């Protein structure tokens, strides 16, 4: 499942019977092999499906299979593209990557986690609130998160 439409809207055949074989949005049969699923994701990514681009980034980052090489750089590129298309999960993943041992850039990390929160990602909102509490910032006027745009501009990011 790439677009998640299969789980939200049933498809009916010409006789009114519910069909579980086809996705109601993209209409092809459900892929039966990993290769077919990968091809479906690639096709949807070319059509700017944010979740498909995000999932290709996951494949590139975690596995490096199905024609994608294992590459953190490629995964980050795909997640940026997906985030620009509106995928909050992608921005959260970018934020976690910048906060990881590989990059250790707290300002960039918080910037992308805040972008995920702005798109309504609950885990990102929780993480930002927890970060503020751990830093003793319980007053909204003193919030470090609200000062992120100025910090980003000062570092030319």
Foldseek 3Di string as FASTA:
>chain_A
DQQCQLVPDFDADPVRHTDSQARPPPGDGDDPDPLVVLVVLVVVVVVVRLRSLLVVLVCLCPPCDNPGGNDPVSSLVSLVSSVVSLDLVSLQVNLVVCCDPVNNDNLSSLVSLVSSVVSPDPVSVVVQVVVCVVVVNPDPVPRPSVCSVVVCVVVVD
